């Protein structure tokens, strides 16, 4: 896929680019608010992901923030406007606002594409949630994670399942009841991030991670992510037959044939773009 042949969407609160073949880089672009997630930005993120999933040669989506910060959480202006509508519309207006962000997290969690989050500066609330749903999380030394919801009298409602999924039940509870704060070293020890680098080295770390992603077959990656997602909620015994079918389909498909041929011939596999 040639980046030059693709016409990118033109969102208002994001900056999109194609830094290399098969990679869409999405930058949260509201630096004046440390990239707070407005409702408009949430919609644009959903649209950018859907666009990437529709491109036959796309392999990965990278999430970053402009201005030295990843994301400071939900936009309080949106919440204030929603509160002004409470008298006419009731609690449903806040429920819809919150659910929109939840659907965004679910979309990134379920995408068959590889997802990489590059985390610098502030990572709070909803930004914390987006970090949790990334397949690969790379952090700079400047990173500062916060889960402030309970200290503000609210609940980290939509990100709670992903906190438990990423950190485990015990650590997620600890952070929730203490208005959790984590620096990069603590996040690495907990498994919230997978690599910690000096901020100036993040571009090189990202390039290395994407090179590893490209070594893997795209359809096999999507199928593996889907199977692992089921394994979170279903006992292993109940997955045996379905997993065997997934394996056989992959092994007998074009990617399986190419992977085995490349191994025997001692060469790099040539993965075709997913159809």
C-alpha atoms as a PDB file:
ATOM      1  CA  UNK A   1       0.000   0.000   0.000  1.00  0.00           C
ATOM      2  CA  UNK A   2       1.438   3.356  -0.975  1.00  0.00           C
ATOM      3  CA  UNK A   3       0.757   6.167   1.484  1.00  0.00           C
ATOM      4  CA  UNK A   4       0.726   8.577  -1.440  1.00  0.00           C
ATOM      5  CA  UNK A   5      -2.336   6.873  -2.948  1.00  0.00           C
ATOM      6  CA  UNK A   6      -4.508   7.268   0.161  1.00  0.00           C
ATOM      7  CA  UNK A   7      -6.582  10.320   0.971  1.00  0.00           C
ATOM      8  CA  UNK A   8      -6.758  10.791   4.716  1.00  0.00           C
ATOM      9  CA  UNK A   9      -9.858  11.988   6.551  1.00  0.00           C
ATOM     10  CA  UNK A  10      -9.664  15.604   7.739  1.00  0.00           C
ATOM     11  CA  UNK A  11     -10.691  15.699  11.399  1.00  0.00           C
ATOM     12  CA  UNK A  12     -10.663  18.908  13.454  1.00  0.00           C
ATOM     13  CA  UNK A  13      -9.314  17.656  16.802  1.00  0.00           C
ATOM     14  CA  UNK A  14      -6.855  15.074  15.475  1.00  0.00           C
ATOM     15  CA  UNK A  15      -3.768  15.135  13.275  1.00  0.00           C
ATOM     16  CA  UNK A  16      -3.551  12.102  10.975  1.00  0.00           C
ATOM     17  CA  UNK A  17      -0.525  10.943   9.017  1.00  0.00           C
ATOM     18  CA  UNK A  18       0.839   7.869   7.251  1.00  0.00           C
ATOM     19  CA  UNK A  19       4.450   7.775   8.481  1.00  0.00           C
ATOM     20  CA  UNK A  20       5.168   4.443   6.795  1.00  0.00           C
ATOM     21  CA  UNK A  21       3.382   1.841   4.710  1.00  0.00           C
ATOM     22  CA  UNK A  22       0.447   0.248   6.470  1.00  0.00           C
ATOM     23  CA  UNK A  23       0.557   2.556   9.515  1.00  0.00           C
ATOM     24  CA  UNK A  24      -1.901   5.285  10.465  1.00  0.00           C
ATOM     25  CA  UNK A  25      -0.615   7.688  13.117  1.00  0.00           C
ATOM     26  CA  UNK A  26      -3.367   9.446  15.042  1.00  0.00           C
ATOM     27  CA  UNK A  27      -2.319  12.411  17.173  1.00  0.00           C
ATOM     28  CA  UNK A  28      -4.688  13.950  19.684  1.00  0.00           C
ATOM     29  CA  UNK A  29      -4.401  17.609  18.736  1.00  0.00           C
ATOM     30  CA  UNK A  30      -5.786  19.823  21.469  1.00  0.00           C
ATOM     31  CA  UNK A  31      -2.507  20.774  23.182  1.00  0.00           C
ATOM     32  CA  UNK A  32      -4.073  23.789  24.896  1.00  0.00           C
ATOM     33  CA  UNK A  33      -6.096  21.350  27.048  1.00  0.00           C
ATOM     34  CA  UNK A  34      -3.411  18.652  27.230  1.00  0.00           C
ATOM     35  CA  UNK A  35      -5.505  16.815  24.628  1.00  0.00           C
ATOM     36  CA  UNK A  36      -8.648  16.481  26.720  1.00  0.00           C
ATOM     37  CA  UNK A  37     -11.163  14.176  25.072  1.00  0.00           C
ATOM     38  CA  UNK A  38     -14.102  16.186  23.797  1.00  0.00           C
ATOM     39  CA  UNK A  39     -17.174  14.448  22.434  1.00  0.00           C
ATOM     40  CA  UNK A  40     -16.143  15.641  18.969  1.00  0.00           C
ATOM     41  CA  UNK A  41     -12.690  14.098  19.412  1.00  0.00           C
ATOM     42  CA  UNK A  42     -14.227  10.796  20.522  1.00  0.00           C
ATOM     43  CA  UNK A  43     -16.282  10.716  17.320  1.00  0.00           C
ATOM     44  CA  UNK A  44     -13.270  11.562  15.195  1.00  0.00           C
ATOM     45  CA  UNK A  45     -11.234   8.790  16.812  1.00  0.00           C
ATOM     46  CA  UNK A  46     -13.973   6.280  15.992  1.00  0.00           C
ATOM     47  CA  UNK A  47     -14.035   7.524  12.389  1.00  0.00           C
ATOM     48  CA  UNK A  48     -10.234   7.372  12.047  1.00  0.00           C
ATOM     49  CA  UNK A  49     -10.156   3.791  13.331  1.00  0.00           C
ATOM     50  CA  UNK A  50     -12.996   2.737  11.001  1.00  0.00           C
ATOM     51  CA  UNK A  51     -11.158   4.341   8.080  1.00  0.00           C
ATOM     52  CA  UNK A  52      -7.962   2.445   8.932  1.00  0.00           C
ATOM     53  CA  UNK A  53      -9.836  -0.852   9.252  1.00  0.00           C
ATOM     54  CA  UNK A  54     -11.292  -0.324   5.762  1.00  0.00           C
ATOM     55  CA  UNK A  55      -7.877   0.045   4.096  1.00  0.00           C
ATOM     56  CA  UNK A  56      -6.742  -3.348   2.728  1.00  0.00           C
ATOM     57  CA  UNK A  57      -3.044  -2.836   3.457  1.00  0.00           C
ATOM     58  CA  UNK A  58      -3.309  -1.255   6.904  1.00  0.00           C
ATOM     59  CA  UNK A  59      -1.394  -3.020   9.655  1.00  0.00           C
ATOM     60  CA  UNK A  60      -1.310  -0.725  12.669  1.00  0.00           C
ATOM     61  CA  UNK A  61      -2.775   2.372  14.294  1.00  0.00           C
ATOM     62  CA  UNK A  62      -0.520   4.530  16.462  1.00  0.00           C
ATOM     63  CA  UNK A  63      -2.044   6.792  19.113  1.00  0.00           C
ATOM     64  CA  UNK A  64      -0.028   9.801  20.303  1.00  0.00           C
ATOM     65  CA  UNK A  65      -0.631  13.276  21.682  1.00  0.00           C
ATOM     66  CA  UNK A  66       0.660  16.634  20.485  1.00  0.00           C
ATOM     67  CA  UNK A  67       2.227  19.220  22.769  1.00  0.00           C
ATOM     68  CA  UNK A  68       4.158  16.862  25.050  1.00  0.00           C
ATOM     69  CA  UNK A  69       1.100  15.199  26.613  1.00  0.00           C
ATOM     70  CA  UNK A  70      -0.938  12.141  25.700  1.00  0.00           C
ATOM     71  CA  UNK A  71      -4.376  12.908  27.153  1.00  0.00           C
ATOM     72  CA  UNK A  72      -5.722  14.623  30.276  1.00  0.00           C
ATOM     73  CA  UNK A  73      -9.011  12.698  30.265  1.00  0.00           C
ATOM     74  CA  UNK A  74     -12.534  13.830  29.474  1.00  0.00           C
ATOM     75  CA  UNK A  75     -13.269  17.425  28.536  1.00  0.00           C
ATOM     76  CA  UNK A  76     -14.933  19.095  31.526  1.00  0.00           C
ATOM     77  CA  UNK A  77     -16.581  21.626  29.198  1.00  0.00           C
ATOM     78  CA  UNK A  78     -18.604  18.828  27.614  1.00  0.00           C
ATOM     79  CA  UNK A  79     -19.672  17.639  31.058  1.00  0.00           C
ATOM     80  CA  UNK A  80     -20.672  21.168  32.074  1.00  0.00           C
ATOM     81  CA  UNK A  81     -22.779  21.558  28.936  1.00  0.00           C
ATOM     82  CA  UNK A  82     -24.409  18.187  29.603  1.00  0.00           C
ATOM     83  CA  UNK A  83     -25.268  19.279  33.148  1.00  0.00           C
ATOM     84  CA  UNK A  84     -27.029  22.346  31.758  1.00  0.00           C
ATOM     85  CA  UNK A  85     -29.326  20.025  29.804  1.00  0.00           C
ATOM     86  CA  UNK A  86     -30.202  17.854  32.807  1.00  0.00           C
ATOM     87  CA  UNK A  87     -33.413  19.723  33.613  1.00  0.00           C
ATOM     88  CA  UNK A  88     -34.846  18.985  30.167  1.00  0.00           C
ATOM     89  CA  UNK A  89     -33.321  15.596  29.365  1.00  0.00           C
ATOM     90  CA  UNK A  90     -32.513  14.022  32.726  1.00  0.00           C
ATOM     91  CA  UNK A  91     -29.606  11.700  33.515  1.00  0.00           C
ATOM     92  CA  UNK A  92     -29.719  10.238  29.991  1.00  0.00           C
ATOM     93  CA  UNK A  93     -27.671  13.155  28.670  1.00  0.00           C
ATOM     94  CA  UNK A  94     -24.727  12.265  30.940  1.00  0.00           C
ATOM     95  CA  UNK A  95     -25.188   8.563  30.267  1.00  0.00           C
ATOM     96  CA  UNK A  96     -24.937   9.138  26.515  1.00  0.00           C
ATOM     97  CA  UNK A  97     -21.806  11.261  26.924  1.00  0.00           C
ATOM     98  CA  UNK A  98     -20.130   8.587  29.030  1.00  0.00           C
ATOM     99  CA  UNK A  99     -21.245   5.720  26.794  1.00  0.00           C
ATOM    100  CA  UNK A 100     -19.748   7.383  23.712  1.00  0.00           C
ATOM    101  CA  UNK A 101     -16.306   7.133  25.273  1.00  0.00           C
ATOM    102  CA  UNK A 102     -16.969   3.542  26.329  1.00  0.00           C
ATOM    103  CA  UNK A 103     -17.809   2.598  22.748  1.00  0.00           C
ATOM    104  CA  UNK A 104     -14.524   4.185  21.651  1.00  0.00           C
ATOM    105  CA  UNK A 105     -12.559   2.016  24.082  1.00  0.00           C
ATOM    106  CA  UNK A 106     -14.424  -1.082  22.937  1.00  0.00           C
ATOM    107  CA  UNK A 107     -13.719  -0.254  19.278  1.00  0.00           C
ATOM    108  CA  UNK A 108      -9.977   0.057  19.901  1.00  0.00           C
ATOM    109  CA  UNK A 109      -9.998  -3.044  22.083  1.00  0.00           C
ATOM    110  CA  UNK A 110     -11.702  -5.151  19.391  1.00  0.00           C
ATOM    111  CA  UNK A 111      -9.941  -3.911  16.269  1.00  0.00           C
ATOM    112  CA  UNK A 112      -8.077  -6.601  14.310  1.00  0.00           C
ATOM    113  CA  UNK A 113      -5.316  -4.063  13.606  1.00  0.00           C
ATOM    114  CA  UNK A 114      -2.300  -3.795  15.854  1.00  0.00           C
ATOM    115  CA  UNK A 115      -2.523  -0.735  18.099  1.00  0.00           C
ATOM    116  CA  UNK A 116       0.403   1.133  19.647  1.00  0.00           C
ATOM    117  CA  UNK A 117       0.115   3.933  22.215  1.00  0.00           C
ATOM    118  CA  UNK A 118       3.043   6.328  22.629  1.00  0.00           C
ATOM    119  CA  UNK A 119       2.653   7.888  26.063  1.00  0.00           C
ATOM    120  CA  UNK A 120       4.250  11.131  27.216  1.00  0.00           C
ATOM    121  CA  UNK A 121       3.423  13.705  29.856  1.00  0.00           C
ATOM    122  CA  UNK A 122      -0.090  13.589  31.283  1.00  0.00           C
ATOM    123  CA  UNK A 123      -2.099  10.372  30.962  1.00  0.00           C
ATOM    124  CA  UNK A 124      -5.296  10.754  32.986  1.00  0.00           C
ATOM    125  CA  UNK A 125      -8.802   9.302  33.149  1.00  0.00           C
ATOM    126  CA  UNK A 126      -9.931   8.470  29.639  1.00  0.00           C
ATOM    127  CA  UNK A 127      -6.337   8.723  28.420  1.00  0.00           C
ATOM    128  CA  UNK A 128      -5.480   6.063  31.001  1.00  0.00           C
ATOM    129  CA  UNK A 129      -8.220   3.910  29.481  1.00  0.00           C
ATOM    130  CA  UNK A 130      -6.880   4.333  25.944  1.00  0.00           C
ATOM    131  CA  UNK A 131      -3.439   3.295  27.177  1.00  0.00           C
ATOM    132  CA  UNK A 132      -4.982   0.138  28.652  1.00  0.00           C
ATOM    133  CA  UNK A 133      -6.587  -0.982  25.378  1.00  0.00           C
ATOM    134  CA  UNK A 134      -3.432  -0.588  23.259  1.00  0.00           C
ATOM    135  CA  UNK A 135      -1.713  -3.808  22.210  1.00  0.00           C
ATOM    136  CA  UNK A 136       1.679  -2.180  22.727  1.00  0.00           C
ATOM    137  CA  UNK A 137       2.219   0.716  25.147  1.00  0.00           C
ATOM    138  CA  UNK A 138       5.484   2.652  24.902  1.00  0.00           C
ATOM    139  CA  UNK A 139       6.134   5.325  27.527  1.00  0.00           C
ATOM    140  CA  UNK A 140       8.596   8.169  27.874  1.00  0.00           C
ATOM    141  CA  UNK A 141      10.231   9.110  31.167  1.00  0.00           C
ATOM    142  CA  UNK A 142       8.062  12.248  31.299  1.00  0.00           C
ATOM    143  CA  UNK A 143       4.893  10.173  31.625  1.00  0.00           C
ATOM    144  CA  UNK A 144       2.609  10.692  34.612  1.00  0.00           C
ATOM    145  CA  UNK A 145      -0.450   8.467  35.014  1.00  0.00           C
ATOM    146  CA  UNK A 146      -3.413   9.531  37.133  1.00  0.00           C
ATOM    147  CA  UNK A 147      -6.776   7.962  37.844  1.00  0.00           C
ATOM    148  CA  UNK A 148      -8.484  10.934  39.541  1.00  0.00           C
ATOM    149  CA  UNK A 149     -12.161  10.092  39.131  1.00  0.00           C
ATOM    150  CA  UNK A 150     -12.929   8.977  42.686  1.00  0.00           C
ATOM    151  CA  UNK A 151     -11.093  12.014  44.094  1.00  0.00           C
ATOM    152  CA  UNK A 152     -13.508  14.146  42.037  1.00  0.00           C
ATOM    153  CA  UNK A 153     -16.593  12.311  43.285  1.00  0.00           C
ATOM    154  CA  UNK A 154     -17.178  10.407  40.044  1.00  0.00           C
ATOM    155  CA  UNK A 155     -16.473   6.886  38.784  1.00  0.00           C
ATOM    156  CA  UNK A 156     -14.012   5.601  36.162  1.00  0.00           C
ATOM    157  CA  UNK A 157     -17.004   3.813  34.713  1.00  0.00           C
ATOM    158  CA  UNK A 158     -16.066   3.011  31.130  1.00  0.00           C
ATOM    159  CA  UNK A 159     -12.383   2.312  31.712  1.00  0.00           C
ATOM    160  CA  UNK A 160     -12.903   0.068  34.764  1.00  0.00           C
ATOM    161  CA  UNK A 161     -13.130  -3.196  32.753  1.00  0.00           C
ATOM    162  CA  UNK A 162      -9.957  -2.338  30.865  1.00  0.00           C
ATOM    163  CA  UNK A 163      -8.091  -1.404  34.043  1.00  0.00           C
ATOM    164  CA  UNK A 164      -8.907  -4.828  35.469  1.00  0.00           C
ATOM    165  CA  UNK A 165      -7.975  -6.489  32.181  1.00  0.00           C
ATOM    166  CA  UNK A 166      -4.598  -4.725  31.982  1.00  0.00           C
ATOM    167  CA  UNK A 167      -3.552  -4.490  35.624  1.00  0.00           C
ATOM    168  CA  UNK A 168      -5.457  -7.277  37.371  1.00  0.00           C
ATOM    169  CA  UNK A 169      -8.248  -6.921  39.918  1.00  0.00           C
ATOM    170  CA  UNK A 170      -6.113  -6.112  42.950  1.00  0.00           C
ATOM    171  CA  UNK A 171      -4.016  -3.347  41.381  1.00  0.00           C
ATOM    172  CA  UNK A 172      -7.006  -1.802  39.620  1.00  0.00           C
ATOM    173  CA  UNK A 173      -8.876  -1.600  42.931  1.00  0.00           C
ATOM    174  CA  UNK A 174      -5.876  -0.088  44.681  1.00  0.00           C
ATOM    175  CA  UNK A 175      -5.578   2.669  42.104  1.00  0.00           C
ATOM    176  CA  UNK A 176      -9.320   3.341  42.077  1.00  0.00           C
ATOM    177  CA  UNK A 177      -9.628   3.820  45.852  1.00  0.00           C
ATOM    178  CA  UNK A 178      -6.501   5.973  46.119  1.00  0.00           C
ATOM    179  CA  UNK A 179      -6.928   8.303  43.124  1.00  0.00           C
ATOM    180  CA  UNK A 180      -3.940   6.459  41.719  1.00  0.00           C
ATOM    181  CA  UNK A 181      -0.727   8.111  40.570  1.00  0.00           C
ATOM    182  CA  UNK A 182       2.003   6.247  38.699  1.00  0.00           C
ATOM    183  CA  UNK A 183       5.284   7.307  37.165  1.00  0.00           C
ATOM    184  CA  UNK A 184       6.881   5.473  34.260  1.00  0.00           C
ATOM    185  CA  UNK A 185       8.870   3.002  36.378  1.00  0.00           C
ATOM    186  CA  UNK A 186       5.800   2.066  38.416  1.00  0.00           C
ATOM    187  CA  UNK A 187       3.710   1.678  35.258  1.00  0.00           C
ATOM    188  CA  UNK A 188       6.350  -0.616  33.773  1.00  0.00           C
ATOM    189  CA  UNK A 189       6.475  -2.794  36.874  1.00  0.00           C
ATOM    190  CA  UNK A 190       2.675  -3.160  36.874  1.00  0.00           C
ATOM    191  CA  UNK A 191       2.540  -4.065  33.189  1.00  0.00           C
ATOM    192  CA  UNK A 192       0.553  -0.970  32.273  1.00  0.00           C
ATOM    193  CA  UNK A 193       3.276  -0.105  29.757  1.00  0.00           C
ATOM    194  CA  UNK A 194       5.516  -2.560  27.978  1.00  0.00           C
ATOM    195  CA  UNK A 195       8.584  -0.384  27.425  1.00  0.00           C
ATOM    196  CA  UNK A 196       9.987   2.747  29.073  1.00  0.00           C
ATOM    197  CA  UNK A 197      12.374   5.039  27.193  1.00  0.00           C
ATOM    198  CA  UNK A 198      13.807   8.507  27.304  1.00  0.00           C
ATOM    199  CA  UNK A 199      11.333  10.758  25.512  1.00  0.00           C
ATOM    200  CA  UNK A 200      13.849  11.477  22.752  1.00  0.00           C
ATOM    201  CA  UNK A 201      14.120   7.738  22.038  1.00  0.00           C
ATOM    202  CA  UNK A 202      10.379   7.113  21.614  1.00  0.00           C
ATOM    203  CA  UNK A 203      10.398   7.490  17.823  1.00  0.00           C
ATOM    204  CA  UNK A 204      13.099   4.818  17.514  1.00  0.00           C
ATOM    205  CA  UNK A 205      11.222   2.554  19.943  1.00  0.00           C
ATOM    206  CA  UNK A 206       8.042   2.997  17.908  1.00  0.00           C
ATOM    207  CA  UNK A 207       9.854   2.154  14.661  1.00  0.00           C
ATOM    208  CA  UNK A 208      11.241  -1.020  16.242  1.00  0.00           C
ATOM    209  CA  UNK A 209       7.798  -2.053  17.531  1.00  0.00           C
ATOM    210  CA  UNK A 210       6.195  -1.506  14.128  1.00  0.00           C
ATOM    211  CA  UNK A 211       8.956  -3.524  12.444  1.00  0.00           C
ATOM    212  CA  UNK A 212       8.077  -6.424  14.740  1.00  0.00           C
ATOM    213  CA  UNK A 213       4.376  -6.051  13.926  1.00  0.00           C
ATOM    214  CA  UNK A 214       5.140  -6.208  10.189  1.00  0.00           C
ATOM    215  CA  UNK A 215       6.874  -9.557  10.656  1.00  0.00           C
ATOM    216  CA  UNK A 216       3.533 -11.083  11.640  1.00  0.00           C
ATOM    217  CA  UNK A 217       0.747 -12.093   9.278  1.00  0.00           C
ATOM    218  CA  UNK A 218      -2.092  -9.530   9.398  1.00  0.00           C
ATOM    219  CA  UNK A 219      -5.019 -11.942   9.331  1.00  0.00           C
ATOM    220  CA  UNK A 220      -3.316 -14.172  11.902  1.00  0.00           C
ATOM    221  CA  UNK A 221      -2.883 -11.153  14.174  1.00  0.00           C
ATOM    222  CA  UNK A 222      -6.573 -10.291  13.939  1.00  0.00           C
ATOM    223  CA  UNK A 223      -7.663 -13.876  14.568  1.00  0.00           C
ATOM    224  CA  UNK A 224      -5.297 -14.207  17.528  1.00  0.00           C
ATOM    225  CA  UNK A 225      -6.554 -10.984  19.122  1.00  0.00           C
ATOM    226  CA  UNK A 226     -10.157 -12.158  18.759  1.00  0.00           C
ATOM    227  CA  UNK A 227      -9.381 -15.545  20.311  1.00  0.00           C
ATOM    228  CA  UNK A 228      -7.488 -13.976  23.212  1.00  0.00           C
ATOM    229  CA  UNK A 229     -10.413 -11.634  23.874  1.00  0.00           C
ATOM    230  CA  UNK A 230     -12.721 -14.639  24.198  1.00  0.00           C
ATOM    231  CA  UNK A 231     -10.223 -16.345  26.510  1.00  0.00           C
ATOM    232  CA  UNK A 232     -10.678 -13.509  29.025  1.00  0.00           C
ATOM    233  CA  UNK A 233     -14.286 -14.544  29.611  1.00  0.00           C
ATOM    234  CA  UNK A 234     -14.581 -18.205  28.595  1.00  0.00           C
ATOM    235  CA  UNK A 235     -12.954 -21.287  30.153  1.00  0.00           C
ATOM    236  CA  UNK A 236     -10.159 -22.868  28.121  1.00  0.00           C
ATOM    237  CA  UNK A 237     -12.003 -26.175  27.779  1.00  0.00           C
ATOM    238  CA  UNK A 238     -14.894 -24.455  26.047  1.00  0.00           C
ATOM    239  CA  UNK A 239     -12.556 -22.897  23.496  1.00  0.00           C
ATOM    240  CA  UNK A 240     -10.757 -26.075  22.402  1.00  0.00           C
ATOM    241  CA  UNK A 241     -12.959 -26.890  19.403  1.00  0.00           C
ATOM    242  CA  UNK A 242     -13.274 -23.290  18.216  1.00  0.00           C
ATOM    243  CA  UNK A 243      -9.547 -22.684  18.633  1.00  0.00           C
ATOM    244  CA  UNK A 244      -8.821 -25.800  16.574  1.00  0.00           C
ATOM    245  CA  UNK A 245     -11.032 -24.476  13.767  1.00  0.00           C
ATOM    246  CA  UNK A 246      -9.291 -21.095  13.887  1.00  0.00           C
ATOM    247  CA  UNK A 247      -5.907 -22.833  13.698  1.00  0.00           C
ATOM    248  CA  UNK A 248      -6.888 -25.087  10.793  1.00  0.00           C
ATOM    249  CA  UNK A 249      -8.314 -22.175   8.807  1.00  0.00           C
ATOM    250  CA  UNK A 250      -5.108 -20.213   9.298  1.00  0.00           C
ATOM    251  CA  UNK A 251      -2.792 -23.130   8.555  1.00  0.00           C
ATOM    252  CA  UNK A 252      -4.611 -23.955   5.311  1.00  0.00           C
ATOM    253  CA  UNK A 253      -4.953 -20.346   4.211  1.00  0.00           C
ATOM    254  CA  UNK A 254      -2.613 -18.179   2.159  1.00  0.00           C
ATOM    255  CA  UNK A 255      -0.809 -16.814   5.179  1.00  0.00           C
ATOM    256  CA  UNK A 256      -0.175 -20.253   6.663  1.00  0.00           C
ATOM    257  CA  UNK A 257       1.142 -21.563   3.356  1.00  0.00           C
ATOM    258  CA  UNK A 258       3.368 -18.527   2.871  1.00  0.00           C
ATOM    259  CA  UNK A 259       4.681 -18.642   6.438  1.00  0.00           C
ATOM    260  CA  UNK A 260       5.705 -22.292   6.195  1.00  0.00           C
ATOM    261  CA  UNK A 261       7.220 -21.778   2.734  1.00  0.00           C
ATOM    262  CA  UNK A 262       9.245 -18.804   3.978  1.00  0.00           C
ATOM    263  CA  UNK A 263      10.502 -20.803   6.954  1.00  0.00           C
ATOM    264  CA  UNK A 264      11.590 -23.730   4.758  1.00  0.00           C
ATOM    265  CA  UNK A 265      13.208 -21.432   2.199  1.00  0.00           C
ATOM    266  CA  UNK A 266      14.902 -19.373   4.939  1.00  0.00           C
ATOM    267  CA  UNK A 267      13.490 -16.035   3.784  1.00  0.00           C
ATOM    268  CA  UNK A 268      11.209 -13.358   5.142  1.00  0.00           C
ATOM    269  CA  UNK A 269       7.521 -14.047   4.479  1.00  0.00           C
ATOM    270  CA  UNK A 270       5.683 -11.870   1.959  1.00  0.00           C
ATOM    271  CA  UNK A 271       2.320 -11.144   3.523  1.00  0.00           C
ATOM    272  CA  UNK A 272      -0.499 -10.158   1.230  1.00  0.00           C
ATOM    273  CA  UNK A 273      -2.808  -7.300   2.199  1.00  0.00           C
ATOM    274  CA  UNK A 274      -6.005  -8.533   3.881  1.00  0.00           C
ATOM    275  CA  UNK A 275      -9.017  -8.545   1.575  1.00  0.00           C
END
